[in-house]
N, C-alpha and C. Protein backbone atom coordinates (compact mmCIF):
# COMPACT_ATOMS: atom_id res chain seq x y z
N MET A 1 -0.17 6.30 -7.45
CA MET A 1 -0.84 6.97 -6.63
C MET A 1 -0.88 5.94 -5.16
N ALA A 2 -0.50 6.32 -3.90
CA ALA A 2 -0.75 5.84 -2.85
C ALA A 2 -2.20 5.77 -2.21
N TYR A 3 -2.66 4.64 -1.77
CA TYR A 3 -4.16 4.58 -1.08
C TYR A 3 -3.95 3.69 0.02
N ARG A 4 -5.25 4.02 1.39
CA ARG A 4 -5.27 3.51 2.35
C ARG A 4 -6.56 3.64 2.70
N TYR A 5 -7.22 2.29 3.16
CA TYR A 5 -8.45 2.23 3.27
C TYR A 5 -8.80 2.41 4.83
N ARG A 6 -9.58 2.91 5.32
CA ARG A 6 -9.89 2.93 6.80
C ARG A 6 -11.48 2.20 7.13
N CYS A 7 -11.28 1.22 8.07
CA CYS A 7 -12.38 0.95 8.54
C CYS A 7 -13.90 1.52 8.92
N GLY A 8 -14.68 1.51 8.31
CA GLY A 8 -15.83 2.22 9.16
C GLY A 8 -16.49 1.58 10.15
N GLU A 9 -16.14 0.24 10.64
CA GLU A 9 -16.62 -0.36 12.05
C GLU A 9 -15.41 -0.13 12.99
N CYS A 10 -14.28 0.06 12.88
CA CYS A 10 -13.09 -0.07 14.05
C CYS A 10 -11.95 0.70 13.70
N GLY A 11 -10.85 0.78 14.12
CA GLY A 11 -9.86 1.83 14.11
C GLY A 11 -8.85 0.88 13.00
N PHE A 12 -9.15 0.16 12.50
CA PHE A 12 -8.47 -0.68 11.26
C PHE A 12 -7.92 0.24 10.06
N SER A 13 -6.60 0.49 9.58
CA SER A 13 -6.34 0.99 8.17
C SER A 13 -5.36 0.33 7.58
N THR A 14 -5.51 0.14 5.88
CA THR A 14 -4.41 -0.39 5.76
C THR A 14 -3.18 0.33 5.25
N ARG A 15 -2.30 -0.55 5.15
CA ARG A 15 -0.67 0.32 4.79
C ARG A 15 -0.83 1.58 3.36
N TRP A 16 -0.14 1.92 3.16
CA TRP A 16 0.19 2.68 2.04
C TRP A 16 0.51 1.61 0.88
N THR A 17 -0.62 1.53 -0.05
CA THR A 17 -0.14 0.86 -1.35
C THR A 17 -0.86 1.16 -2.32
N THR A 18 -1.31 0.34 -3.51
CA THR A 18 -1.99 0.14 -4.55
C THR A 18 -3.25 0.61 -4.40
N GLU A 19 -4.34 0.81 -5.04
CA GLU A 19 -5.56 0.94 -4.61
C GLU A 19 -6.08 -0.55 -4.58
N SER A 20 -5.88 -1.34 -5.69
CA SER A 20 -6.52 -2.47 -5.31
C SER A 20 -6.15 -3.48 -4.52
N GLU A 21 -4.38 -3.56 -3.98
CA GLU A 21 -4.13 -3.84 -3.02
C GLU A 21 -4.75 -3.65 -1.58
N ALA A 22 -4.83 -2.19 -1.68
CA ALA A 22 -5.66 -1.87 -0.06
C ALA A 22 -6.83 -2.17 -0.29
N GLU A 23 -7.68 -2.09 -1.33
CA GLU A 23 -9.44 -2.83 -1.22
C GLU A 23 -9.03 -4.16 -0.85
N ASP A 24 -8.43 -5.04 -1.48
CA ASP A 24 -8.13 -6.70 -1.22
C ASP A 24 -8.35 -6.66 0.19
N LEU A 25 -6.81 -5.60 0.91
CA LEU A 25 -6.86 -5.64 2.85
C LEU A 25 -7.68 -5.55 3.10
N SER A 26 -8.73 -4.48 2.83
CA SER A 26 -10.08 -3.80 3.29
C SER A 26 -11.00 -5.06 3.76
N VAL A 27 -11.13 -6.02 2.38
CA VAL A 27 -12.11 -7.04 2.00
C VAL A 27 -11.66 -8.03 3.28
N ALA A 28 -10.16 -8.17 3.01
CA ALA A 28 -9.85 -9.51 3.96
C ALA A 28 -10.14 -9.01 5.28
N HIS A 29 -9.83 -7.92 5.97
CA HIS A 29 -10.19 -7.54 7.19
C HIS A 29 -11.84 -7.53 7.55
N TYR A 30 -12.52 -7.18 6.54
CA TYR A 30 -13.73 -7.50 7.00
C TYR A 30 -14.34 -8.62 6.92
N ALA A 31 -13.69 -9.53 6.27
CA ALA A 31 -14.11 -11.07 6.19
C ALA A 31 -13.62 -11.53 7.48
N ASP A 32 -12.50 -10.89 8.20
CA ASP A 32 -12.35 -11.67 9.38
C ASP A 32 -12.72 -11.09 10.56
N ARG A 33 -12.80 -9.82 10.43
CA ARG A 33 -13.05 -9.00 11.58
C ARG A 33 -14.51 -8.60 12.03
N HIS A 34 -15.04 -8.46 10.85
CA HIS A 34 -16.64 -8.10 10.57
C HIS A 34 -17.29 -8.87 9.34
N PRO A 35 -17.47 -10.35 9.63
CA PRO A 35 -17.90 -11.23 8.62
C PRO A 35 -19.74 -10.90 8.15
N ARG A 36 -20.28 -10.44 8.81
CA ARG A 36 -21.61 -10.17 8.74
C ARG A 36 -22.01 -8.92 7.77
N LEU A 37 -20.89 -8.16 7.87
CA LEU A 37 -21.12 -6.75 7.06
C LEU A 37 -20.39 -6.32 6.01
N VAL A 38 -21.30 -5.98 4.94
CA VAL A 38 -20.50 -5.33 3.64
C VAL A 38 -19.66 -4.34 3.89
N PRO A 39 -18.37 -4.78 3.19
CA PRO A 39 -17.13 -3.56 3.52
C PRO A 39 -17.14 -2.20 3.40
N GLY A 40 -17.13 -1.20 4.07
CA GLY A 40 -16.97 -0.11 3.59
C GLY A 40 -16.02 0.85 4.26
N GLY A 41 -16.40 1.81 4.90
CA GLY A 41 -15.09 2.68 5.49
C GLY A 41 -15.33 3.98 4.27
N SER A 42 -13.70 4.22 4.54
CA SER A 42 -13.10 5.36 3.83
C SER A 42 -11.80 5.04 2.93
N VAL A 43 -11.59 5.75 2.03
CA VAL A 43 -10.34 5.66 1.27
C VAL A 43 -9.32 7.09 1.34
N GLU A 44 -8.30 6.79 1.47
CA GLU A 44 -7.57 8.15 1.44
C GLU A 44 -6.21 7.98 0.50
N ILE A 45 -6.17 9.05 -0.05
CA ILE A 45 -5.11 9.11 -1.26
C ILE A 45 -4.01 9.73 -0.50
N ASN A 46 -2.80 9.53 -0.75
CA ASN A 46 -1.54 10.38 0.12
C ASN A 46 -1.37 11.50 -0.70
N ARG A 47 -1.80 12.63 -0.21
CA ARG A 47 -1.58 13.95 -0.81
C ARG A 47 -0.50 14.64 -0.55
N LYS A 48 0.65 14.12 -0.08
CA LYS A 48 1.66 14.69 0.36
C LYS A 48 2.52 13.95 -1.08
N ASN A 49 2.75 13.13 -1.39
CA ASN A 49 3.19 12.67 -2.54
C ASN A 49 1.89 11.60 -3.42
N PRO A 50 1.08 12.08 -4.21
CA PRO A 50 0.22 11.51 -4.79
C PRO A 50 0.54 10.38 -5.95
N GLU A 51 2.22 10.60 -6.38
CA GLU A 51 2.69 9.88 -7.45
C GLU A 51 3.62 8.47 -6.60
N SER A 52 3.54 8.57 -5.43
CA SER A 52 4.09 7.15 -4.65
C SER A 52 3.58 6.28 -5.32
N ALA A 53 4.80 5.60 -5.22
CA ALA A 53 4.53 3.84 -5.31
C ALA A 53 4.91 3.15 -4.08
N GLY A 54 4.76 3.98 -2.96
CA GLY A 54 5.72 3.39 -1.71
C GLY A 54 6.90 2.67 -1.35
N CYS A 55 7.18 1.85 -1.15
CA CYS A 55 8.73 1.40 -1.06
C CYS A 55 9.30 0.76 -2.39
N LEU A 56 8.27 0.68 -3.32
CA LEU A 56 8.92 -0.04 -4.25
C LEU A 56 9.86 0.82 -4.96
N THR A 57 9.55 2.00 -5.19
CA THR A 57 10.57 3.06 -5.53
C THR A 57 11.62 3.00 -5.33
N LEU A 58 12.06 3.09 -4.04
CA LEU A 58 13.02 2.94 -3.19
C LEU A 58 13.81 1.99 -3.33
N LEU A 59 13.28 0.63 -3.32
CA LEU A 59 13.40 -0.74 -3.79
C LEU A 59 14.30 -1.01 -5.08
N GLY A 60 13.53 -0.23 -5.92
CA GLY A 60 13.90 -0.29 -7.37
C GLY A 60 15.13 0.79 -7.55
N ILE A 61 15.39 2.05 -7.05
CA ILE A 61 16.28 2.67 -6.75
C ILE A 61 17.70 2.07 -6.28
N ALA A 62 17.42 0.93 -5.06
CA ALA A 62 18.83 0.58 -4.70
C ALA A 62 18.93 -0.85 -5.36
N LEU A 63 18.40 -1.42 -6.12
CA LEU A 63 18.55 -2.39 -6.98
C LEU A 63 19.43 -1.84 -8.05
N LEU A 64 19.11 -0.53 -8.83
CA LEU A 64 19.76 -0.57 -10.06
C LEU A 64 21.16 0.02 -9.26
N LEU A 65 20.99 0.64 -8.28
CA LEU A 65 22.64 1.05 -7.73
C LEU A 65 23.41 -0.18 -7.43
N LEU A 66 22.73 -0.84 -6.90
CA LEU A 66 23.80 -2.07 -6.81
C LEU A 66 24.18 -2.70 -8.14
N LEU A 67 23.50 -2.59 -8.74
CA LEU A 67 23.98 -3.33 -10.20
C LEU A 67 24.63 -2.59 -10.56
N ILE A 68 24.97 -1.22 -10.67
CA ILE A 68 25.77 -0.34 -11.10
C ILE A 68 26.97 -0.55 -10.41
N ILE A 69 26.84 -0.62 -9.00
CA ILE A 69 28.16 -0.94 -8.24
C ILE A 69 28.78 -2.37 -8.59
N ALA A 70 27.99 -3.24 -8.64
CA ALA A 70 28.46 -4.45 -9.08
C ALA A 70 29.19 -4.77 -10.46
N SER A 71 28.61 -3.98 -11.50
CA SER A 71 29.36 -4.15 -12.81
C SER A 71 30.71 -2.97 -12.87
N CYS A 72 30.83 -2.20 -12.05
CA CYS A 72 31.86 -1.03 -11.76
C CYS A 72 33.25 -2.12 -10.92
N GLY A 73 32.74 -2.88 -10.40
CA GLY A 73 33.80 -3.58 -9.64
C GLY A 73 34.54 -4.68 -10.62
N ARG A 74 34.04 -4.91 -11.49
CA ARG A 74 35.07 -5.96 -12.56
C ARG A 74 35.94 -5.68 -13.20
């Protein structure tokens, strides 16, 4: 699934990514921009494509196609 965290203090939001990476980005944002506050805000789940892995899926497919094309050319 793809997750995005939104800051509870300002308009910041993380990119769509895994839950753990989005949480790490949120914690880093709070440490940088709101150092005296406990990280908060809200979590969004990608409802359009909840099984999405972001661009990793597209990158994997592109790599696979490149490998197939390279092996056919020999």
